[in-house]
Structures are given as structure tokens and as C-alpha cells.
Amino acid sequence: MSCFSHSLFVFSLISLTSIHSTIAADAGLVGVNYGRIADNLPQPPKVVELLKTQGLNRVKVYDSDSAVLTALAGSGITVTVALPNENLSSAAADQSFTDKWVQDNVVAYQPSTQIEAIAVGNEVFVDPNNTTGFLVPAMNNVYSSLVKYKLDSSIKVSSPIALSALQNSYPSSAGAFKSELIEPVIKPMLEFLKKTGSYLMVNAYPFFAYTANADVISLDYALFRDTTGVVDSGNSLKYYSLFDAQIDAVFAAMDALKYSDLKMVVSETGWPSKGDENEVGASEVNAAAYNGGLVRRALTGGGTPLRPNDSLNIYLFALFNENQKTGPTSEKNYGLFYPTEEKVYNIPLTLKDLNSGQSTPVNGSKSQVVVAATPPTAATGQTWCVANGNVGEEKLQAGLDYACGEGGADCRPIQEGSTCYHPDTTEAHASYAFNSYYQKMARKSGSCYFGGAAYVVTQPPKFGTCEFPTGY
């Protein structure tokens, strides 16, 4: 594999801005679930200020609470509201019910509060009240109400499903929905989503799979730290994270029903910072590794092995630890923040965070660059820029061409026969070139981005015997 052609030194067809806009087109979106099963949470206006301070501009709630929607007015934060499971039978039976619900819970707050989607129910297939039969009729009625109020083009209608809707999920290529759900609800729901231009919402928790199978699933694989990968025997695709494998199992199930053109939003995913003794892997360190790695995966672009061109749009679960949730200890400890608004652990939440190097890096790429996940020493404050191996060869090559061409990075050491030519991979060469450019630019914010193909680390990276430059 060649690092780059000699013609790149006369590379002048595109500017840094155009590289960024081209590559960043596939970057995903990160939002957060704002659950409120607690008696000690800040009031909604304070929560909105917290979201803004953290750069989080998408939030999903589990109802349509007036205080929350009012607080979000004028904030610039888009919100997904929910019609709860207990309302599904009424919504399915009576169009006038959904007309009034949309009028009271959506129209009344538009456009100051930017409602972008309605989640009709939540994990309905596992609802003990057996509401599955009401789901698609309720979705149709909600959509018809949006049409009545001329909001159907700006607000999507969907319904989050749990991974338990799958009959098979391993290997990913064998993903299939439960047979008893396909005709009654899965196919009609997917057809509704296709007809209305919406997307499937999926709640995915690698934590559950890991803690139930810790003897056979690698923790590194669950936490975006796998560097060797797992090959799917059915399609020969290689997976470097359990999350990707789970999402592709759903895509495979959709493909099997001929809905391969439908998009997906991961409406819930997260990792608990604390658990019971039998909840293997629940810890602050692991929660930070999972959520930090996932945010990087989403924001730096690229999709899953089965859908590499689809961006990853995710909603982390959850904004706060919720002290009144029932079940195991983990259920109360999925929050990014304590009710005091103090962070439970420090992870990047935005591209600005990723590029600033503020947060402890989580090495989630299949990289040959060795990155230690520890903060810089106060003595140096030194940072480096490395390639994000998850974005794919094309994006890495585009960034590499720019850095060594118009960007003016010193790429002589990665020419064939030079000291840093080996290992001869695009990712290794891109890491050297990105860092050369980053150091040349005096480590300015935004100079380690390349449209999501790079990120900042706080320990000196190495490949082979080559040392990365630290400044000019």
C-alpha cells in the first residue's frame, strides 16, 4: 500500500475548507436522553443551560412535559418528544385523540421549541401491557395529525425498538427480526417509515451483551478499544466494536425484508458508571471509554462495516443519574452528570472537545498508532494529532494529500525508503502527516480535524521506530 503519489506535492485542486466540508458530510450527530425518574434533578431552565454549556444541541425526552418544552424555547436545541405507551391504544383508536395530542404537545410550542421528531411509544414489543398491536395505527394517526397542522415535512414519526426485537443477532450478517413480529408489526412499521421519509429508532446497549457473556466477549471489543477485530463469517466484514456489530445486525434484519434504504437513529445507548457485584464491567472508567469512544465514532464520520456511508446519529443515555429508577444499581447510574450538574466522568461531547484535547482520549480506532489514554503532564502540556482509522481509506487519503500538499506538512520522512515509511499503511502515514501539519500550525484549535479524519492525543504516538515531531 502506497502512502501517496508524488503528484500530491502539486496538489492544489481543493482548499482546506473544501476538504473539511467534503469529509464532514458523513459526520454524525450526538444528542442525549433527558430522563427525569428522580426527585433531585435541576429545574428544566437550569438543565437547558447545562446542555448549552456542554454544546449539546439535541435532546430526547420520554414525554411532552410543558415545563421542559417551555424551557427549551429559543434555545436552539432540537427535541424529540414522546407519546407514551399508555396512550397508544387511544392514539390507535381515535384520530381526534392524536389531533388534540399534537395540538397540545407540539403545535403549542412551535416554532420557538424546535421539535424534530415524535417517538410513538418506547420498546413497545416488550411492554408488559401488550400494546404491540396499537403501534402502527397510532403512528399513522400521529402522522395524519401532523399533516393536518402542516408539520409533516419538518417532524418525523418513529418508535424506538430494543435489540430484543431480533431473533438472531450473531453473527451480524445473520440478523433477523423475530418471526412472530414481522408480519403483524415490523413490516408495516418499516413501510410506514419508508413512506413518510422517516428512520428507524433503535436502543442498543453493548453493556447488556458484554455483562451476560463476559467470558467470551472481550472488554476491549465492547469499549471501542479492539485493535485486531472480529471477522463476520457470513459476509467477511471485520468488526472492531460490539456496537457496530449490533447495529449491523439490525441493518441485516432490515435488508432481509427489503428495506435496505431506510436510515437509522440510535435513540438510546450508554454504559453504567456503577453496578451491582454481578454487573460485570459497570464502572466509571468503562463508561467513559464506551461513551467517549462512541462520541468520537459518531462525530468523526463514517458508518458501520455494512453501511459505511451512513452517518452514525446517536442519543446517549442519559443526561443524569436517576435515583428513582427501579432494577439493578446500574439503572440509576447511566448519567453523564450527577444531579448537582457535576460530570460523572470527563469525555468529549462535541467536535470542539475532540479537537481541543481537553478530554482523556479513548483509542477506539483500529489504529497502528499506539496512544496512551492518560492526560498530559503539567510540565509540557504537549499534544499530538493522529489519524482516525475508522473513517476509511478514502477520507484518510484526502486528508493526507492535503497535509502533504497544500498544507505544507513535512512528509519527507514517510516517502519510500525514508525513516518513517514503515509501516506502509495509509493510516500510519496520515498520522505522521496530520501531526506534522498540526505542529506546524502551533497546535491551534481546529488544525487537527481534517474533516473528522484526525483527533488530538496527549501521549506521544509511535509507529515502528519513527518519532513524531513536537514543534517547529
Protein backbone atom coordinates (compact mmCIF):
# COMPACT_ATOMS: atom_id res chain seq x y z
CA MET A 1 0.00 0.00 0.00
CA SER A 2 1.46 3.32 -1.05
CA CYS A 3 1.27 6.33 1.22
CA PHE A 4 0.70 8.93 -1.52
CA SER A 5 1.73 9.82 -5.03
CA HIS A 6 4.48 12.30 -5.86
CA SER A 7 1.86 14.42 -7.60
CA LEU A 8 0.41 15.41 -4.25
CA PHE A 9 3.18 17.98 -3.87
CA VAL A 10 1.49 19.98 -6.60
CA PHE A 11 -1.88 19.24 -5.06
CA SER A 12 -3.87 22.47 -5.29
CA LEU A 13 -7.28 21.49 -6.51
CA ILE A 14 -9.04 21.91 -3.21
CA SER A 15 -8.64 24.10 -0.18
CA LEU A 16 -8.66 23.07 3.43
CA THR A 17 -12.23 24.35 3.71
CA SER A 18 -13.45 22.22 0.85
CA ILE A 19 -11.71 19.15 2.28
CA HIS A 20 -13.46 19.75 5.56
CA SER A 21 -16.87 20.21 4.00
CA THR A 22 -16.49 17.15 1.79
CA ILE A 23 -15.32 14.83 4.53
CA ALA A 24 -17.53 16.20 7.28
CA ALA A 25 -20.67 15.46 5.25
CA ASP A 26 -20.69 11.98 6.77
CA ALA A 27 -20.17 13.14 10.35
CA GLY A 28 -22.93 12.03 12.68
CA LEU A 29 -24.91 13.83 15.36
CA VAL A 30 -24.76 13.37 19.12
CA GLY A 31 -27.71 14.03 21.40
CA VAL A 32 -28.67 12.98 24.90
CA ASN A 33 -31.68 11.40 26.57
CA TYR A 34 -33.12 13.61 29.31
CA GLY A 35 -34.83 11.18 31.67
CA ARG A 36 -36.46 12.50 34.83
CA ILE A 37 -37.19 9.48 37.06
CA ALA A 38 -35.60 11.22 40.02
CA ASP A 39 -36.52 13.59 42.84
CA ASN A 40 -33.33 15.62 42.92
CA LEU A 41 -32.79 16.95 39.39
CA PRO A 42 -32.23 20.60 38.47
CA GLN A 43 -35.22 22.55 37.18
CA PRO A 44 -35.67 22.49 33.37
CA PRO A 45 -34.26 26.02 32.76
CA LYS A 46 -31.04 25.02 34.52
CA VAL A 47 -30.92 21.80 32.51
CA VAL A 48 -31.21 23.75 29.27
CA GLU A 49 -28.33 25.97 30.36
CA LEU A 50 -26.27 22.86 31.12
CA LEU A 51 -26.99 21.45 27.66
CA LYS A 52 -25.95 24.71 26.04
CA THR A 53 -22.78 24.95 28.13
CA GLN A 54 -21.81 21.43 27.06
CA GLY A 55 -22.52 22.10 23.39
CA LEU A 56 -25.30 19.51 23.28
CA ASN A 57 -27.91 20.69 20.79
CA ARG A 58 -30.14 17.62 20.56
CA VAL A 59 -32.20 16.14 23.35
CA LYS A 60 -34.74 13.35 23.57
CA VAL A 61 -37.39 13.22 26.28
CA TYR A 62 -39.82 10.49 27.27
CA ASP A 63 -42.98 12.61 27.32
CA SER A 64 -44.01 16.11 26.33
CA ASP A 65 -43.74 17.88 29.66
CA SER A 66 -44.79 21.52 29.44
CA ALA A 67 -42.05 22.83 31.73
CA VAL A 68 -39.35 21.09 29.69
CA LEU A 69 -40.68 22.20 26.30
CA THR A 70 -41.13 25.76 27.53
CA ALA A 71 -37.58 25.85 28.89
CA LEU A 72 -36.24 24.67 25.52
CA ALA A 73 -37.96 27.52 23.66
CA GLY A 74 -35.48 29.76 21.86
CA SER A 75 -32.52 27.63 22.98
CA GLY A 76 -31.55 26.34 19.54
CA ILE A 77 -31.75 22.79 20.93
CA THR A 78 -33.84 20.37 18.87
CA VAL A 79 -36.00 17.92 20.78
CA THR A 80 -37.62 14.55 20.21
CA VAL A 81 -40.80 14.22 22.25
CA ALA A 82 -42.67 11.02 23.06
CA LEU A 83 -46.20 9.76 23.10
CA PRO A 84 -46.03 7.25 26.00
CA ASN A 85 -47.01 3.59 25.72
CA GLU A 86 -50.08 4.15 27.92
CA ASN A 87 -51.54 6.42 25.22
CA LEU A 88 -51.06 4.02 22.33
CA SER A 89 -54.49 2.39 22.47
CA SER A 90 -56.23 5.78 22.44
CA ALA A 91 -53.98 7.08 19.68
CA ALA A 92 -54.64 3.98 17.57
CA ALA A 93 -58.40 4.08 18.03
CA ASP A 94 -59.22 7.73 17.53
CA GLN A 95 -57.81 10.31 15.12
CA SER A 96 -59.32 13.08 17.21
CA PHE A 97 -57.13 11.93 20.14
CA THR A 98 -53.92 12.38 18.14
CA ASP A 99 -55.20 15.66 16.69
CA LYS A 100 -55.59 17.03 20.20
CA TRP A 101 -52.33 15.48 21.41
CA VAL A 102 -50.39 17.06 18.53
CA GLN A 103 -52.18 20.38 19.07
CA ASP A 104 -51.42 20.42 22.82
CA ASN A 105 -47.94 18.92 22.80
CA VAL A 106 -46.41 20.01 19.52
CA VAL A 107 -48.24 22.86 17.81
CA ALA A 108 -48.50 24.83 21.06
CA TYR A 109 -44.69 25.05 21.32
CA GLN A 110 -43.74 25.51 17.67
CA PRO A 111 -41.65 27.14 16.31
CA SER A 112 -39.88 28.52 19.42
CA THR A 113 -39.27 24.99 20.64
CA GLN A 114 -37.72 23.03 17.80
CA ILE A 115 -39.46 19.67 17.85
CA GLU A 116 -37.88 17.45 15.19
CA ALA A 117 -39.39 14.04 15.92
CA ILE A 118 -42.09 12.20 17.82
CA ALA A 119 -41.30 8.82 19.35
CA VAL A 120 -44.56 6.90 19.40
CA GLY A 121 -44.14 4.56 22.35
CA ASN A 122 -40.87 3.11 23.59
CA GLU A 123 -39.72 -0.51 23.22
CA VAL A 124 -43.35 -1.44 22.66
CA PHE A 125 -42.63 -5.07 21.80
CA VAL A 126 -41.50 -5.74 25.37
CA ASP A 127 -44.25 -3.69 27.01
CA PRO A 128 -45.93 -5.97 29.58
CA ASN A 129 -49.26 -4.34 28.77
CA ASN A 130 -49.21 -5.89 25.29
CA THR A 131 -49.50 -2.68 23.26
CA THR A 132 -47.78 -4.00 20.13
CA GLY A 133 -50.98 -4.18 18.09
CA PHE A 134 -51.65 -0.48 18.64
CA LEU A 135 -48.25 0.76 17.48
CA VAL A 136 -48.53 1.19 13.71
CA PRO A 137 -52.15 2.51 13.76
CA ALA A 138 -51.02 5.04 16.40
CA MET A 139 -48.04 6.08 14.26
CA ASN A 140 -50.31 6.55 11.25
CA ASN A 141 -52.74 8.69 13.23
CA VAL A 142 -49.98 10.85 14.69
CA TYR A 143 -48.60 11.40 11.20
CA SER A 144 -52.06 12.29 9.85
CA SER A 145 -52.38 14.86 12.62
CA LEU A 146 -49.04 16.38 11.64
CA VAL A 147 -50.31 16.59 8.06
CA LYS A 148 -53.42 18.40 9.31
CA TYR A 149 -51.26 21.02 11.02
CA LYS A 150 -48.78 21.16 8.10
CA LEU A 151 -45.91 19.83 10.22
CA ASP A 152 -45.36 16.51 8.44
CA SER A 153 -42.40 17.82 6.42
CA SER A 154 -40.49 19.07 9.47
CA ILE A 155 -41.28 16.46 12.14
CA LYS A 156 -40.53 12.74 11.79
CA VAL A 157 -42.55 9.97 13.40
CA SER A 158 -40.84 6.79 14.59
CA SER A 159 -40.74 4.36 17.53
CA PRO A 160 -37.67 3.08 19.41
CA ILE A 161 -37.22 -0.68 19.32
CA ALA A 162 -34.98 -2.74 21.60
CA LEU A 163 -32.46 -5.24 20.25
CA SER A 164 -34.68 -7.93 21.77
CA ALA A 165 -36.84 -7.47 18.65
CA LEU A 166 -34.18 -9.55 16.88
CA GLN A 167 -34.42 -13.31 16.74
CA ASN A 168 -30.79 -13.58 15.61
CA SER A 169 -28.03 -11.02 16.16
CA TYR A 170 -24.84 -13.07 15.84
CA PRO A 171 -23.08 -13.02 13.55
CA SER A 172 -24.30 -9.63 12.37
CA SER A 173 -24.88 -10.92 8.84
CA ALA A 174 -27.49 -13.34 10.25
CA GLY A 175 -29.50 -10.54 11.86
CA ALA A 176 -33.23 -11.26 11.68
CA PHE A 177 -36.35 -9.95 13.38
CA LYS A 178 -38.46 -12.29 15.50
CA SER A 179 -40.71 -14.18 13.13
CA GLU A 180 -43.86 -13.53 15.16
CA LEU A 181 -43.33 -9.76 14.86
CA ILE A 182 -42.54 -9.49 11.17
CA GLU A 183 -45.96 -9.57 9.51
CA PRO A 184 -48.08 -8.03 12.29
CA VAL A 185 -45.86 -5.02 13.08
CA ILE A 186 -42.27 -4.92 11.75
CA LYS A 187 -43.05 -4.82 8.04
CA PRO A 188 -45.97 -2.36 8.43
CA MET A 189 -43.78 -0.13 10.61
CA LEU A 190 -40.85 -0.19 8.18
CA GLU A 191 -43.25 0.53 5.31
CA PHE A 192 -44.64 3.50 7.26
CA LEU A 193 -41.12 4.83 7.87
CA LYS A 194 -40.28 4.48 4.20
CA LYS A 195 -43.50 6.13 3.06
CA THR A 196 -43.10 9.10 5.39
CA GLY A 197 -39.35 9.58 4.89
CA SER A 198 -38.58 8.75 8.50
CA TYR A 199 -36.00 6.47 10.12
CA LEU A 200 -35.89 3.53 12.49
CA MET A 201 -35.08 4.29 16.12
CA VAL A 202 -33.02 1.59 17.86
CA ASN A 203 -31.99 1.29 21.51
CA ALA A 204 -28.65 -0.54 21.58
CA TYR A 205 -26.68 -1.48 24.72
CA PRO A 206 -23.45 -3.45 24.24
CA PHE A 207 -23.18 -3.40 28.04
CA PHE A 208 -26.01 -5.94 28.33
CA ALA A 209 -24.39 -8.31 25.85
CA TYR A 210 -20.99 -7.94 27.50
CA THR A 211 -22.11 -8.42 31.09
CA ALA A 212 -24.08 -11.54 30.11
CA ASN A 213 -21.19 -13.01 28.09
CA ALA A 214 -18.03 -11.57 29.66
CA ASP A 215 -16.36 -14.96 29.35
CA VAL A 216 -16.49 -14.83 25.55
CA ILE A 217 -16.74 -11.11 24.67
CA SER A 218 -13.59 -9.01 25.01
CA LEU A 219 -13.99 -5.88 27.13
CA ASP A 220 -11.83 -4.00 24.60
CA TYR A 221 -14.26 -5.07 21.87
CA ALA A 222 -17.17 -3.70 23.89
CA LEU A 223 -15.38 -0.42 24.66
CA PHE A 224 -14.15 0.59 21.16
CA ARG A 225 -10.59 -0.43 22.03
CA ASP A 226 -10.20 -3.55 19.92
CA THR A 227 -7.27 -3.34 17.52
CA THR A 228 -7.46 -6.80 15.94
CA GLY A 229 -11.12 -7.08 15.03
CA VAL A 230 -13.63 -9.89 14.63
CA VAL A 231 -14.47 -11.22 11.18
CA ASP A 232 -18.13 -11.96 10.41
CA SER A 233 -18.14 -15.45 8.93
CA GLY A 234 -21.25 -14.65 6.89
CA ASN A 235 -20.03 -11.63 4.94
CA SER A 236 -16.28 -11.47 5.73
CA LEU A 237 -16.61 -7.94 7.14
CA LYS A 238 -14.33 -7.11 10.06
CA TYR A 239 -15.74 -5.54 13.23
CA TYR A 240 -13.75 -3.57 15.76
CA SER A 241 -16.59 -2.90 18.21
CA LEU A 242 -19.59 -4.71 19.61
CA PHE A 243 -21.68 -1.60 18.97
CA ASP A 244 -21.04 -1.76 15.22
CA ALA A 245 -21.86 -5.47 15.21
CA GLN A 246 -25.17 -4.87 17.00
CA ILE A 247 -26.20 -2.05 14.68
CA ASP A 248 -25.31 -4.08 11.60
CA ALA A 249 -27.41 -6.97 12.89
CA VAL A 250 -30.41 -4.63 12.75
CA PHE A 251 -29.41 -3.42 9.29
CA ALA A 252 -29.12 -7.05 8.16
CA ALA A 253 -32.59 -7.75 9.53
CA MET A 254 -33.94 -4.74 7.61
CA ASP A 255 -32.11 -5.86 4.47
CA ALA A 256 -33.68 -9.30 4.72
CA LEU A 257 -37.10 -7.63 4.50
CA LYS A 258 -36.01 -5.46 1.53
CA TYR A 259 -35.78 -2.20 3.50
CA SER A 260 -32.09 -1.58 2.94
CA ASP A 261 -32.72 2.06 2.03
CA LEU A 262 -34.06 3.03 5.46
CA LYS A 263 -31.88 5.10 7.78
CA MET A 264 -31.39 4.55 11.50
CA VAL A 265 -31.00 6.68 14.60
CA VAL A 266 -29.60 5.09 17.75
CA SER A 267 -32.19 6.50 20.11
CA GLU A 268 -30.55 5.12 23.28
CA THR A 269 -27.12 3.79 24.09
CA GLY A 270 -24.83 4.06 27.07
CA TRP A 271 -22.79 2.35 29.75
CA PRO A 272 -23.32 2.50 33.54
CA SER A 273 -20.70 4.02 35.83
CA LYS A 274 -21.72 1.80 38.74
CA GLY A 275 -23.46 -1.55 39.14
CA ASP A 276 -24.14 -4.49 41.43
CA GLU A 277 -21.49 -7.15 42.06
CA ASN A 278 -22.86 -9.33 39.27
CA GLU A 279 -22.91 -6.49 36.74
CA VAL A 280 -19.51 -7.12 35.23
CA GLY A 281 -17.91 -4.10 33.62
CA ALA A 282 -20.02 -1.37 35.22
CA SER A 283 -17.53 1.35 36.24
CA GLU A 284 -16.69 4.98 35.63
CA VAL A 285 -13.59 4.06 33.63
CA ASN A 286 -15.53 1.75 31.33
CA ALA A 287 -18.44 4.17 30.98
CA ALA A 288 -16.01 6.90 29.93
CA ALA A 289 -14.31 4.55 27.47
CA TYR A 290 -17.58 3.45 25.87
CA ASN A 291 -19.31 6.82 25.66
CA GLY A 292 -16.12 8.66 24.73
CA GLY A 293 -15.31 6.14 22.02
CA LEU A 294 -18.85 6.24 20.67
CA VAL A 295 -18.93 10.04 20.52
CA ARG A 296 -15.66 10.01 18.59
CA ARG A 297 -17.06 7.37 16.22
CA ALA A 298 -20.15 9.47 15.56
CA LEU A 299 -18.57 12.90 15.23
CA THR A 300 -15.60 11.91 13.09
CA GLY A 301 -17.74 10.42 10.36
CA GLY A 302 -18.16 7.08 8.71
CA GLY A 303 -20.71 4.38 9.35
CA THR A 304 -20.69 0.69 10.18
CA PRO A 305 -18.99 -2.02 8.11
CA LEU A 306 -22.31 -2.92 6.47
CA ARG A 307 -23.38 0.72 5.94
CA PRO A 308 -20.07 2.61 5.67
CA ASN A 309 -21.64 5.64 4.00
CA ASP A 310 -24.37 6.17 6.60
CA SER A 311 -23.52 8.57 9.38
CA LEU A 312 -23.98 7.50 12.99
CA ASN A 313 -26.62 9.59 14.74
CA ILE A 314 -26.84 8.73 18.43
CA TYR A 315 -28.56 9.75 21.66
CA LEU A 316 -26.54 8.91 24.75
CA PHE A 317 -28.38 7.54 27.74
CA ALA A 318 -28.57 9.53 29.89
CA LEU A 319 -28.08 13.13 30.90
CA PHE A 320 -28.39 12.48 34.67
CA ASN A 321 -28.14 9.64 37.13
CA GLU A 322 -31.77 8.97 38.10
CA ASN A 323 -32.22 7.91 41.73
CA GLN A 324 -35.81 6.65 41.46
CA LYS A 325 -35.30 4.16 38.67
CA THR A 326 -36.05 0.59 39.65
CA GLY A 327 -33.99 -2.52 38.97
CA PRO A 328 -30.28 -3.16 39.44
CA THR A 329 -27.86 -0.46 40.61
CA SER A 330 -26.76 0.18 37.03
CA GLU A 331 -30.20 1.57 36.15
CA LYS A 332 -29.58 4.54 38.44
CA ASN A 333 -26.08 5.20 37.12
CA TYR A 334 -26.13 5.78 33.38
CA GLY A 335 -25.85 9.55 33.70
CA LEU A 336 -23.17 11.77 32.24
CA PHE A 337 -23.89 14.16 35.12
CA TYR A 338 -24.84 13.98 38.76
CA PRO A 339 -27.97 15.93 39.72
CA THR A 340 -25.56 18.59 41.02
CA GLU A 341 -24.55 19.12 37.34
CA GLU A 342 -21.05 17.82 38.11
CA LYS A 343 -19.66 15.43 35.49
CA VAL A 344 -19.59 11.77 36.47
CA TYR A 345 -16.53 11.42 34.20
CA ASN A 346 -14.89 13.55 31.56
CA ILE A 347 -15.44 12.73 27.89
CA PRO A 348 -15.63 14.78 24.68
CA LEU A 349 -19.19 15.63 23.64
CA THR A 350 -18.53 17.89 20.64
CA LEU A 351 -16.02 18.28 17.81
CA LYS A 352 -14.58 21.23 19.70
CA ASP A 353 -13.87 18.92 22.64
CA LEU A 354 -12.25 16.35 20.36
CA ASN A 355 -10.03 18.89 18.69
CA SER A 356 -9.04 20.71 21.86
CA GLY A 357 -7.63 17.63 23.54
CA GLN A 358 -9.46 18.56 26.76
CA SER A 359 -10.68 15.06 27.42
CA THR A 360 -8.92 11.81 28.04
CA PRO A 361 -8.63 10.11 24.64
CA VAL A 362 -10.23 6.75 24.08
CA ASN A 363 -8.40 4.81 21.41
CA GLY A 364 -11.35 3.45 19.51
CA SER A 365 -9.85 3.18 16.05
CA LYS A 366 -8.28 0.10 14.52
CA SER A 367 -5.06 2.08 14.59
CA GLN A 368 -1.46 1.00 14.38
CA VAL A 369 -0.59 4.18 16.22
CA VAL A 370 -0.14 3.45 19.91
CA VAL A 371 -1.89 6.04 22.07
CA ALA A 372 -1.76 6.00 25.86
CA ALA A 373 -5.02 7.16 27.46
CA THR A 374 -3.55 9.44 30.10
CA PRO A 375 -3.61 13.22 30.35
CA PRO A 376 -0.58 15.41 29.54
CA THR A 377 1.78 16.42 32.27
CA ALA A 378 1.54 19.94 33.57
CA ALA A 379 5.19 20.43 32.65
CA THR A 380 4.70 20.21 28.91
CA GLY A 381 1.02 20.32 28.02
CA GLN A 382 2.14 18.73 24.73
CA THR A 383 -0.41 17.26 22.33
CA TRP A 384 -0.17 15.35 19.05
CA CYS A 385 -2.51 14.70 16.14
CA VAL A 386 -3.24 11.18 14.84
CA ALA A 387 -5.45 9.63 12.18
CA ASN A 388 -8.85 8.18 12.98
CA GLY A 389 -8.69 4.74 11.39
CA ASN A 390 -12.48 4.32 11.48
CA VAL A 391 -13.22 6.89 8.76
CA GLY A 392 -11.95 4.75 5.90
CA GLU A 393 -9.16 4.86 3.34
CA GLU A 394 -10.74 7.49 1.09
CA LYS A 395 -11.07 10.11 3.81
CA LEU A 396 -7.65 9.39 5.22
CA GLN A 397 -6.12 9.70 1.76
CA ALA A 398 -7.87 13.02 1.10
CA GLY A 399 -6.58 14.45 4.36
CA LEU A 400 -3.11 13.01 3.75
CA ASP A 401 -2.97 14.57 0.28
CA TYR A 402 -3.91 17.96 1.65
CA ALA A 403 -1.47 17.85 4.58
CA CYS A 404 1.49 16.88 2.40
CA GLY A 405 0.48 19.15 -0.46
CA GLU A 406 -1.26 22.45 0.09
CA GLY A 407 -0.97 22.12 3.86
CA GLY A 408 2.82 22.21 3.69
CA ALA A 409 3.48 19.40 6.18
CA ASP A 410 6.96 17.87 6.11
CA CYS A 411 6.19 14.48 4.61
CA ARG A 412 9.71 13.58 3.50
CA PRO A 413 10.13 11.03 6.35
CA ILE A 414 7.19 8.97 5.01
CA GLN A 415 8.49 8.78 1.44
CA GLU A 416 9.54 5.30 0.32
CA GLY A 417 12.98 4.48 1.68
CA SER A 418 12.84 7.16 4.37
CA THR A 419 12.89 6.71 8.14
CA CYS A 420 9.12 6.70 8.72
CA TYR A 421 7.93 4.88 5.61
CA HIS A 422 7.18 1.70 7.54
CA PRO A 423 4.60 0.54 8.36
CA ASP A 424 3.40 1.26 4.83
CA THR A 425 -0.26 1.98 5.59
CA THR A 426 -2.42 4.96 4.80
CA GLU A 427 -3.35 5.33 8.47
CA ALA A 428 0.22 5.36 9.72
CA HIS A 429 1.34 7.81 7.02
CA ALA A 430 -1.71 10.01 7.61
CA SER A 431 -0.96 10.13 11.33
CA TYR A 432 2.56 11.37 10.65
CA ALA A 433 1.38 13.94 8.10
CA PHE A 434 -1.53 15.17 10.23
CA ASN A 435 0.76 15.65 13.20
CA SER A 436 3.35 17.45 11.10
CA TYR A 437 0.69 19.90 9.93
CA TYR A 438 -0.73 20.25 13.46
CA GLN A 439 2.67 21.08 14.95
CA LYS A 440 3.40 23.48 12.08
CA MET A 441 0.18 25.30 12.90
CA ALA A 442 1.32 25.61 16.55
CA ARG A 443 -1.39 23.16 17.63
CA LYS A 444 -4.15 25.69 17.01
CA SER A 445 -7.70 24.58 17.70
CA GLY A 446 -9.18 23.05 14.56
CA SER A 447 -5.85 22.24 12.93
CA CYS A 448 -6.21 18.57 13.94
CA TYR A 449 -9.51 17.83 12.26
CA PHE A 450 -9.24 17.07 8.53
CA GLY A 451 -12.98 16.65 8.29
CA GLY A 452 -13.09 14.16 11.14
CA ALA A 453 -10.17 12.07 9.90
CA ALA A 454 -7.95 13.09 12.84
CA TYR A 455 -8.06 13.72 16.58
CA VAL A 456 -5.80 15.03 19.33
CA VAL A 457 -3.98 12.77 21.80
CA THR A 458 -1.91 13.62 24.85
CA GLN A 459 0.80 10.99 24.74
CA PRO A 460 3.49 10.77 22.03
CA PRO A 461 2.30 8.36 19.32
CA LYS A 462 4.71 5.96 17.66
CA PHE A 463 4.72 3.54 14.79
CA GLY A 464 7.71 1.38 14.10
CA THR A 465 10.81 3.24 15.26
CA CYS A 466 9.60 6.61 13.99
CA GLU A 467 9.22 9.52 16.38
CA PHE A 468 6.58 12.18 15.77
CA PRO A 469 7.69 15.83 15.65
CA THR A 470 6.64 18.06 18.54
CA GLY A 471 7.03 21.51 17.02
CA TYR A 472 8.82 23.75 14.55
